[in-house]
Amino acid sequence: MLTQPSKGYTIVEVLLVVVILAIIGTLAGPRFFDNAAFDERAYYDELVGALRYAQKIAVASGCPVRVTVAPTSYALSQQASLAGHCDPGDAAFPVAVRLPTGETASGTAPDSVNVVPALTIVYNALGQTNLPASQSIAVGSRLLQVQADSGLVVTP
């Protein structure tokens, strides 16, 4: 007598698949829910964009732009104007640089991201920096470099 082939899975096969999925979920699951690497990359890109924007604003306006980079934040500011021009005697840089959206050009790092070293960069009207030498900045595990003579922001 011929028997019909079964049209389903045995309980052993189902349990084996469940056990394998549980092991994979235990090992790979935390990687899907840990945003630290994504946060680091996003802040790195944001800081690179802010440095490049500061240089462009300095060149376009003819007024120096100061970028203050702290371990957990950054901010862009300019000198106050005097009779329609930048005030070269203003060392306080009290005017916040605005983005095209009207927001202040500044940012705060996510909790898991730290920037080293803390420094202040001033871009002049030619786009050059006040740095004595090119400066490397570490954003978490990522590096960027600001060239002193040209103000160029180099990323790998």
Protein backbone atom coordinates (compact mmCIF):
# COMPACT_ATOMS: atom_id res chain seq x y z
CA MET A 1 0.00 0.00 0.00
CA LEU A 2 1.30 3.42 -0.99
CA THR A 3 1.31 6.25 1.53
CA GLN A 4 0.77 9.87 0.70
CA PRO A 5 3.70 12.20 1.40
CA SER A 6 2.99 14.51 4.32
CA LYS A 7 2.15 18.14 3.57
CA GLY A 8 3.66 19.84 6.58
CA TYR A 9 6.59 20.00 8.94
CA THR A 10 7.26 17.78 11.87
CA ILE A 11 7.42 19.26 15.35
CA VAL A 12 11.17 18.60 15.41
CA GLU A 13 11.72 20.64 12.25
CA VAL A 14 9.66 23.55 13.57
CA LEU A 15 11.46 23.55 16.91
CA LEU A 16 14.84 23.44 15.17
CA VAL A 17 13.96 26.51 13.09
CA VAL A 18 12.72 28.37 16.19
CA VAL A 19 15.94 27.57 18.08
CA ILE A 20 18.12 28.73 15.16
CA LEU A 21 16.12 31.99 14.84
CA ALA A 22 16.43 32.59 18.58
CA ILE A 23 20.22 32.16 18.45
CA ILE A 24 20.53 34.50 15.45
CA GLY A 25 18.24 37.03 17.12
CA THR A 26 20.28 36.95 20.31
CA LEU A 27 23.53 37.57 18.48
CA ALA A 28 22.43 39.98 15.75
CA GLY A 29 19.51 41.76 17.44
CA PRO A 30 21.49 44.31 19.46
CA ARG A 31 23.26 45.49 16.32
CA PHE A 32 19.94 46.48 14.79
CA PHE A 33 18.89 48.54 17.79
CA ASP A 34 22.19 50.27 18.65
CA ASN A 35 22.24 53.67 16.96
CA ALA A 36 25.65 54.79 18.24
CA ALA A 37 27.42 54.20 14.91
CA PHE A 38 24.66 56.00 13.02
CA ASP A 39 24.65 58.90 15.50
CA GLU A 40 28.42 59.23 15.20
CA ARG A 41 28.32 59.31 11.40
CA ALA A 42 25.45 61.80 11.35
CA TYR A 43 27.21 64.21 13.72
CA TYR A 44 30.47 63.80 11.80
CA ASP A 45 28.71 64.75 8.56
CA GLU A 46 26.96 67.66 10.32
CA LEU A 47 30.26 69.04 11.66
CA VAL A 48 31.97 68.69 8.26
CA GLY A 49 29.07 70.57 6.67
CA ALA A 50 29.21 73.30 9.31
CA LEU A 51 32.94 73.84 8.80
CA ARG A 52 32.48 74.08 5.03
CA TYR A 53 29.50 76.40 5.47
CA ALA A 54 31.52 78.67 7.77
CA GLN A 55 34.22 79.02 5.14
CA LYS A 56 31.66 79.83 2.43
CA ILE A 57 29.93 82.45 4.60
CA ALA A 58 33.28 84.10 5.41
CA VAL A 59 34.19 84.31 1.73
CA ALA A 60 30.73 85.45 0.61
CA SER A 61 30.28 88.10 3.31
CA GLY A 62 33.89 89.23 3.58
CA CYS A 63 33.57 89.00 7.35
CA PRO A 64 35.46 86.47 9.47
CA VAL A 65 33.47 83.52 10.81
CA ARG A 66 34.42 81.77 14.03
CA VAL A 67 33.69 78.08 14.55
CA THR A 68 33.84 76.98 18.17
CA VAL A 69 34.17 73.21 18.43
CA ALA A 70 33.64 71.76 21.90
CA PRO A 71 33.63 68.06 22.90
CA THR A 72 29.82 67.95 22.73
CA SER A 73 28.80 70.87 20.48
CA TYR A 74 29.77 73.43 17.85
CA ALA A 75 28.62 76.96 16.97
CA LEU A 76 29.28 79.44 14.16
CA SER A 77 29.42 83.20 14.78
CA GLN A 78 30.53 86.40 13.04
CA GLN A 79 31.80 89.82 13.98
CA ALA A 80 29.25 92.59 14.42
CA SER A 81 28.84 95.04 11.58
CA LEU A 82 29.97 98.65 11.81
CA ALA A 83 28.65 101.10 9.19
CA GLY A 84 27.69 98.23 6.89
CA HIS A 85 31.05 96.43 7.19
CA CYS A 86 32.51 93.97 9.69
CA ASP A 87 34.01 95.53 12.75
CA PRO A 88 37.66 94.36 12.78
CA GLY A 89 37.95 95.45 16.40
CA ASP A 90 35.19 93.05 17.47
CA ALA A 91 36.90 90.03 19.02
CA ALA A 92 33.70 88.72 20.63
CA PHE A 93 31.98 87.49 17.43
CA PRO A 94 28.51 88.15 18.90
CA VAL A 95 26.42 87.53 15.77
CA ALA A 96 25.23 83.95 15.31
CA VAL A 97 25.52 82.65 11.75
CA ARG A 98 22.15 81.63 10.35
CA LEU A 99 21.38 78.76 8.01
CA PRO A 100 19.27 79.43 4.91
CA THR A 101 16.30 78.14 6.93
CA GLY A 102 16.81 80.91 9.50
CA GLU A 103 18.02 78.55 12.22
CA THR A 104 21.23 79.21 14.11
CA ALA A 105 24.21 77.30 12.71
CA SER A 106 25.07 75.20 15.74
CA GLY A 107 24.71 71.64 16.89
CA THR A 108 24.91 69.32 19.84
CA ALA A 109 26.55 65.92 19.71
CA PRO A 110 24.53 62.83 20.65
CA ASP A 111 25.34 61.35 24.07
CA SER A 112 27.52 58.62 22.60
CA VAL A 113 29.69 60.98 20.50
CA ASN A 114 32.70 62.99 21.68
CA VAL A 115 34.82 65.43 19.64
CA VAL A 116 38.55 65.89 20.28
CA PRO A 117 40.23 68.39 20.46
CA ALA A 118 38.13 71.35 21.49
CA LEU A 119 39.26 74.30 19.38
CA THR A 120 38.29 77.59 17.79
CA ILE A 121 38.78 78.16 14.07
CA VAL A 122 38.38 81.56 12.43
CA TYR A 123 37.90 81.70 8.67
CA ASN A 124 38.90 84.99 7.03
CA ALA A 125 37.46 86.59 3.88
CA LEU A 126 39.80 84.46 1.74
CA GLY A 127 38.58 81.23 3.35
CA GLN A 128 41.85 80.69 5.20
CA THR A 129 41.99 79.74 8.87
CA ASN A 130 43.82 81.18 11.84
CA LEU A 131 45.32 77.76 12.60
CA PRO A 132 49.12 77.63 12.76
CA ALA A 133 49.08 74.18 11.11
CA SER A 134 46.55 71.76 9.70
CA GLN A 135 44.37 70.31 12.43
CA SER A 136 42.89 66.84 12.74
CA ILE A 137 39.56 66.52 14.55
CA ALA A 138 38.25 63.19 15.83
CA VAL A 139 34.49 62.73 15.96
CA GLY A 140 34.22 59.47 17.83
CA SER A 141 36.26 57.04 15.72
CA ARG A 142 36.12 59.20 12.56
CA LEU A 143 38.74 61.77 11.57
CA LEU A 144 38.56 64.94 9.55
CA GLN A 145 41.28 67.48 8.82
CA VAL A 146 41.09 71.25 8.42
CA GLN A 147 43.97 72.57 6.34
CA ALA A 148 45.37 75.77 7.82
CA ASP A 149 46.41 77.56 4.62
CA SER A 150 43.35 76.89 2.47
CA GLY A 151 40.65 76.14 5.06
CA LEU A 152 39.78 72.99 3.12
CA VAL A 153 38.02 70.30 5.14
CA VAL A 154 39.40 66.91 4.15
CA THR A 155 37.50 63.73 4.92
CA PRO A 156 38.60 60.18 4.13
